[in-house]
Every structure is written in structure tokens, then in C-alpha cells.
Amino acid sequence: MGRREPRGATTRQRILAAALHRFAERGYGAVSVEEIAEAAGVTKGAVYHWFADKDDLGRELQHELWQRLSTEALAAWRDGDDPVDNINRAFGVFLRLLADSGEARFFLRDAWVIPELDEAGRFDHEDAVALVRGFLERARADGALVSLPVEPLARVLLGVFAEATLHVLRTGDRRGAEEVVAHVVASLRRPAPARRPTRRRPTAGSATHGGDHR
């Protein structure tokens, strides 16, 4: 169901907040629309005004949570900084926020494996691919990254990020994931050109001394 205009958005946010609390507390499958409406202090009709059904509500909630995390992570990107440092900084912020997100982490962990919510995840994934692709293209044009095909690189890199994200969702521990991601991303940095050794010119004294062997 398409997103509506901001009118009544406070009610919509109340419904989403109540749903997040119930999903995190009892699990997605155990929660009904009636229970969400009661927790939000609205009628069931108000829920259906904003969402086609529970799965539509779940997809919207999932999308908004990922979008909020991504927006805050991207705020750590500093134009002009080294691209590898930027990628590591932004993803480090993302993982820290995710690990500390409480109820959101528990819901997103469950949503990862719920087929009914997979559609929203695919759309968000393709948006993320486009974003990473843009960063890589800019960094490669600046000569900062190794010369690899951008499209498969963006998808493989996103696969690494996805597994790191899943690890944090399941365990809440982001330090190991950050370390692994930083190591992978560092391998994309274009190595500095090797410096040729400079030859020292012999001085007049050293030439005389060197040639006076008997």
C-alpha cells in the first residue's frame, strides 16, 4: 500500500511504535492487528486506514527502521576524506546504532527471515546497491580504489555488510563484525606506487678512495 500524505501522521507513528513494541516482545507471528490497535489506543479501522494488513504494516516498519539507520550512518560520510575511511566510518556508525537499537534490533532480526516481509527487504537492498555503487564509482574516478568492475563489487561488498548486519542482529556484538568489514574494505584501497630507489652519485673523494685499491 502506498505511503499517504502527512495528514494524521501522528496516529500512524503511534501505530508503528505500538507494533514495534509488540513484535519485539512477542514475535511477529503472535501479534494481531487488534492487539496493535489496542496498544496504540486507536480503532482497528484506524490501523486499516494506514495499512492494508499486518504484513503491510510490518513492511513499512521494517523500511522506516532501515532508512533511519542508513540516514544516520550516511551522516558520518565526509566529502573529501579517504573513501575507505568513509566507508568504514559510515558502516561502523550503522553497526553501533543497530547494536544499541533495542526493540528495533529484535524486530529486524525476526523480519530478516519472514517471507511476508521479504518484498520490502528486496527494495531496500536494491536502493543500497545503487548507493554503494555511486560511492565506488566516485572513489574509483578519483583513483582511490583498485580497478575492479563496479557493479559486482558493489553487490559483493553489500553481501559482506549484510552478513555483518545479520551477525549483529543475532548476537548484539558489533566489534568483531566491524573489524572484519574494516579488513575487507581496506583491501579495496589502491596501493601507492612503488618508489624507485634513488642512486647516490659518488663524490670526488669517494671515487678516488674507491679506486685506490692495491
Protein backbone atom coordinates (compact mmCIF):
# COMPACT_ATOMS: atom_id res chain seq x y z
CA MET A 1 0.00 0.00 0.00
CA GLY A 2 1.46 3.40 -0.97
CA ARG A 3 2.57 5.87 1.67
CA ARG A 4 -0.07 8.52 2.39
CA GLU A 5 0.28 12.26 2.90
CA PRO A 6 1.45 13.57 6.33
CA ARG A 7 -2.13 14.28 7.48
CA GLY A 8 -2.71 12.19 10.60
CA ALA A 9 0.93 11.10 10.65
CA THR A 10 0.99 11.20 14.46
CA THR A 11 -1.57 8.39 14.56
CA ARG A 12 0.44 6.44 12.01
CA GLN A 13 3.62 6.79 14.07
CA ARG A 14 1.75 5.72 17.20
CA ILE A 15 0.58 2.58 15.41
CA LEU A 16 4.11 1.82 14.20
CA ALA A 17 5.58 2.37 17.68
CA ALA A 18 2.98 0.09 19.28
CA ALA A 19 3.58 -2.56 16.61
CA LEU A 20 7.35 -2.42 17.15
CA HIS A 21 6.92 -2.92 20.90
CA ARG A 22 4.56 -5.87 20.44
CA PHE A 23 6.63 -7.51 17.66
CA ALA A 24 9.81 -7.25 19.75
CA GLU A 25 8.06 -8.53 22.88
CA ARG A 26 6.03 -11.44 21.49
CA GLY A 27 7.33 -12.12 17.98
CA TYR A 28 5.82 -11.04 14.68
CA GLY A 29 3.67 -14.11 14.10
CA ALA A 30 1.97 -13.98 17.52
CA VAL A 31 0.72 -10.38 17.24
CA SER A 32 -2.65 -9.45 15.72
CA VAL A 33 -3.92 -6.19 14.24
CA GLU A 34 -6.43 -5.99 17.10
CA GLU A 35 -3.61 -6.15 19.65
CA ILE A 36 -1.65 -3.43 17.84
CA ALA A 37 -4.72 -1.17 17.70
CA GLU A 38 -5.37 -1.63 21.40
CA ALA A 39 -1.73 -0.89 22.29
CA ALA A 40 -1.77 2.24 20.11
CA GLY A 41 -5.07 3.45 21.59
CA VAL A 42 -6.82 3.51 18.20
CA THR A 43 -9.55 1.52 16.49
CA LYS A 44 -8.80 -1.39 14.21
CA GLY A 45 -10.28 0.74 11.40
CA ALA A 46 -7.61 3.38 12.04
CA VAL A 47 -4.91 0.74 11.53
CA TYR A 48 -6.52 -0.33 8.25
CA HIS A 49 -6.74 3.32 7.18
CA TRP A 50 -2.96 3.46 7.12
CA PHE A 51 -2.03 -0.14 6.32
CA ALA A 52 -3.63 -2.79 4.13
CA ASP A 53 -2.94 -5.55 6.68
CA LYS A 54 -0.39 -6.62 9.29
CA ASP A 55 2.20 -7.55 6.67
CA ASP A 56 1.89 -4.12 5.05
CA LEU A 57 2.42 -2.56 8.48
CA GLY A 58 5.43 -4.82 9.08
CA ARG A 59 7.00 -3.90 5.73
CA GLU A 60 6.54 -0.19 6.41
CA LEU A 61 8.03 -0.52 9.88
CA GLN A 62 10.98 -2.51 8.56
CA HIS A 63 11.60 0.06 5.80
CA GLU A 64 11.48 3.02 8.19
CA LEU A 65 13.87 1.41 10.66
CA TRP A 66 16.45 0.55 7.99
CA GLN A 67 16.07 4.01 6.47
CA ARG A 68 16.63 5.70 9.84
CA LEU A 69 19.78 3.66 10.49
CA SER A 70 21.12 4.32 6.98
CA THR A 71 20.45 8.06 7.16
CA GLU A 72 22.37 8.41 10.42
CA ALA A 73 25.22 6.27 9.09
CA LEU A 74 25.50 8.34 5.90
CA ALA A 75 25.75 11.50 8.00
CA ALA A 76 29.20 10.20 9.03
CA TRP A 77 30.39 10.42 5.40
CA ARG A 78 32.79 13.35 4.95
CA ASP A 79 33.31 14.67 1.45
CA GLY A 80 36.99 14.87 0.62
CA ASP A 81 38.06 12.17 3.09
CA ASP A 82 39.65 8.91 2.02
CA PRO A 83 36.88 6.68 0.57
CA VAL A 84 37.98 3.62 2.54
CA ASP A 85 37.92 5.61 5.78
CA ASN A 86 34.50 6.97 4.84
CA ILE A 87 33.04 3.51 4.14
CA ASN A 88 34.42 2.09 7.39
CA ARG A 89 33.25 5.09 9.42
CA ALA A 90 29.72 5.04 7.97
CA PHE A 91 29.29 1.30 8.41
CA GLY A 92 30.77 1.44 11.90
CA VAL A 93 28.13 4.00 12.86
CA PHE A 94 25.45 1.78 11.27
CA LEU A 95 26.51 -1.28 13.29
CA ARG A 96 26.81 0.65 16.55
CA LEU A 97 23.32 2.11 16.13
CA LEU A 98 21.95 -1.32 15.24
CA ALA A 99 23.55 -2.99 18.25
CA ASP A 100 22.09 -0.33 20.55
CA SER A 101 18.63 -0.19 18.94
CA GLY A 102 16.88 -2.44 21.49
CA GLU A 103 13.40 -3.37 20.28
CA ALA A 104 14.25 -2.45 16.69
CA ARG A 105 17.09 -4.99 16.63
CA PHE A 106 14.82 -7.79 17.86
CA PHE A 107 12.15 -6.99 15.26
CA LEU A 108 14.65 -6.62 12.40
CA ARG A 109 16.27 -9.91 13.38
CA ASP A 110 12.92 -11.70 13.06
CA ALA A 111 11.90 -9.77 9.94
CA TRP A 112 15.07 -10.97 8.19
CA VAL A 113 13.57 -14.47 7.86
CA ILE A 114 9.85 -13.67 7.47
CA PRO A 115 8.82 -14.32 3.85
CA GLU A 116 5.89 -11.88 4.05
CA LEU A 117 8.32 -9.03 4.72
CA ASP A 118 10.84 -10.04 2.08
CA GLU A 119 9.47 -7.66 -0.57
CA ALA A 120 10.40 -4.58 1.45
CA GLY A 121 13.83 -6.05 2.13
CA ARG A 122 14.47 -6.56 -1.60
CA PHE A 123 13.56 -2.96 -2.43
CA ASP A 124 15.80 -1.65 0.36
CA HIS A 125 18.59 -3.94 -0.85
CA GLU A 126 18.46 -2.55 -4.40
CA ASP A 127 18.46 1.00 -3.04
CA ALA A 128 21.55 0.13 -1.00
CA VAL A 129 23.28 -1.38 -4.07
CA ALA A 130 22.70 1.84 -6.00
CA LEU A 131 24.07 3.91 -3.12
CA VAL A 132 27.22 1.79 -2.72
CA ARG A 133 27.69 1.73 -6.49
CA GLY A 134 27.65 5.52 -6.55
CA PHE A 135 30.27 5.75 -3.80
CA LEU A 136 32.53 3.22 -5.54
CA GLU A 137 32.25 4.95 -8.91
CA ARG A 138 33.19 8.29 -7.36
CA ALA A 139 36.11 6.78 -5.44
CA ARG A 140 37.44 4.90 -8.45
CA ALA A 141 37.21 8.02 -10.63
CA ASP A 142 39.38 9.78 -8.04
CA GLY A 143 41.93 6.96 -8.34
CA ALA A 144 41.46 5.91 -4.72
CA LEU A 145 40.30 2.30 -5.24
CA VAL A 146 41.59 -0.74 -7.06
CA SER A 147 40.31 -1.13 -10.61
CA LEU A 148 37.50 -3.70 -10.35
CA PRO A 149 34.08 -3.87 -12.06
CA VAL A 150 31.85 -1.61 -10.01
CA GLU A 151 28.52 -3.48 -10.25
CA PRO A 152 29.71 -6.89 -8.94
CA LEU A 153 31.97 -5.14 -6.43
CA ALA A 154 29.00 -3.19 -5.04
CA ARG A 155 26.95 -6.39 -4.65
CA VAL A 156 29.77 -8.44 -3.10
CA LEU A 157 30.59 -5.62 -0.70
CA LEU A 158 26.92 -5.33 0.23
CA GLY A 159 26.90 -9.08 0.86
CA VAL A 160 29.71 -8.60 3.37
CA PHE A 161 27.75 -5.77 5.00
CA ALA A 162 24.60 -7.90 5.08
CA GLU A 163 26.32 -10.77 6.87
CA ALA A 164 27.90 -8.36 9.34
CA THR A 165 24.46 -6.84 9.93
CA LEU A 166 22.92 -10.28 10.47
CA HIS A 167 25.67 -11.15 12.95
CA VAL A 168 24.88 -8.03 14.99
CA LEU A 169 21.13 -8.69 14.77
CA ARG A 170 21.61 -12.19 16.16
CA THR A 171 24.28 -11.50 18.78
CA GLY A 172 24.24 -7.78 19.55
CA ASP A 173 28.05 -7.88 19.29
CA ARG A 174 29.33 -5.49 16.65
CA ARG A 175 33.07 -5.24 17.43
CA GLY A 176 34.13 -8.40 15.60
CA ALA A 177 31.92 -7.54 12.63
CA GLU A 178 33.43 -4.05 12.42
CA GLU A 179 36.95 -5.47 12.48
CA VAL A 180 36.23 -7.93 9.66
CA VAL A 181 34.47 -5.33 7.50
CA ALA A 182 37.35 -2.87 8.00
CA HIS A 183 39.83 -5.53 6.84
CA VAL A 184 37.78 -6.33 3.71
CA VAL A 185 37.25 -2.67 2.82
CA ALA A 186 40.94 -1.87 3.34
CA SER A 187 41.79 -4.34 0.58
CA LEU A 188 39.98 -2.07 -1.89
CA ARG A 189 42.42 0.80 -1.40
CA ARG A 190 44.63 1.35 -4.39
CA PRO A 191 48.24 0.71 -3.36
CA ALA A 192 50.56 3.66 -3.55
CA PRO A 193 53.00 3.47 -6.49
CA ALA A 194 56.32 1.92 -5.52
CA ARG A 195 59.07 4.46 -5.04
CA ARG A 196 62.17 3.89 -7.10
CA PRO A 197 65.35 3.79 -5.05
CA THR A 198 67.47 6.87 -5.68
CA ARG A 199 71.03 6.31 -6.76
CA ARG A 200 73.62 8.26 -4.89
CA ARG A 201 76.15 9.99 -7.06
CA PRO A 202 79.72 9.28 -5.96
CA THR A 203 81.61 12.31 -4.75
CA ALA A 204 85.11 13.08 -5.99
CA GLY A 205 86.60 11.88 -2.72
CA SER A 206 84.69 8.62 -2.68
CA ALA A 207 85.60 7.92 -6.31
CA THR A 208 89.28 8.43 -5.57
CA HIS A 209 89.09 6.37 -2.41
CA GLY A 210 87.14 3.65 -4.15
CA GLY A 211 89.63 3.36 -6.99
CA ASP A 212 92.79 3.33 -4.87
CA HIS A 213 92.82 -0.36 -4.02
CA ARG A 214 96.12 -2.17 -4.43
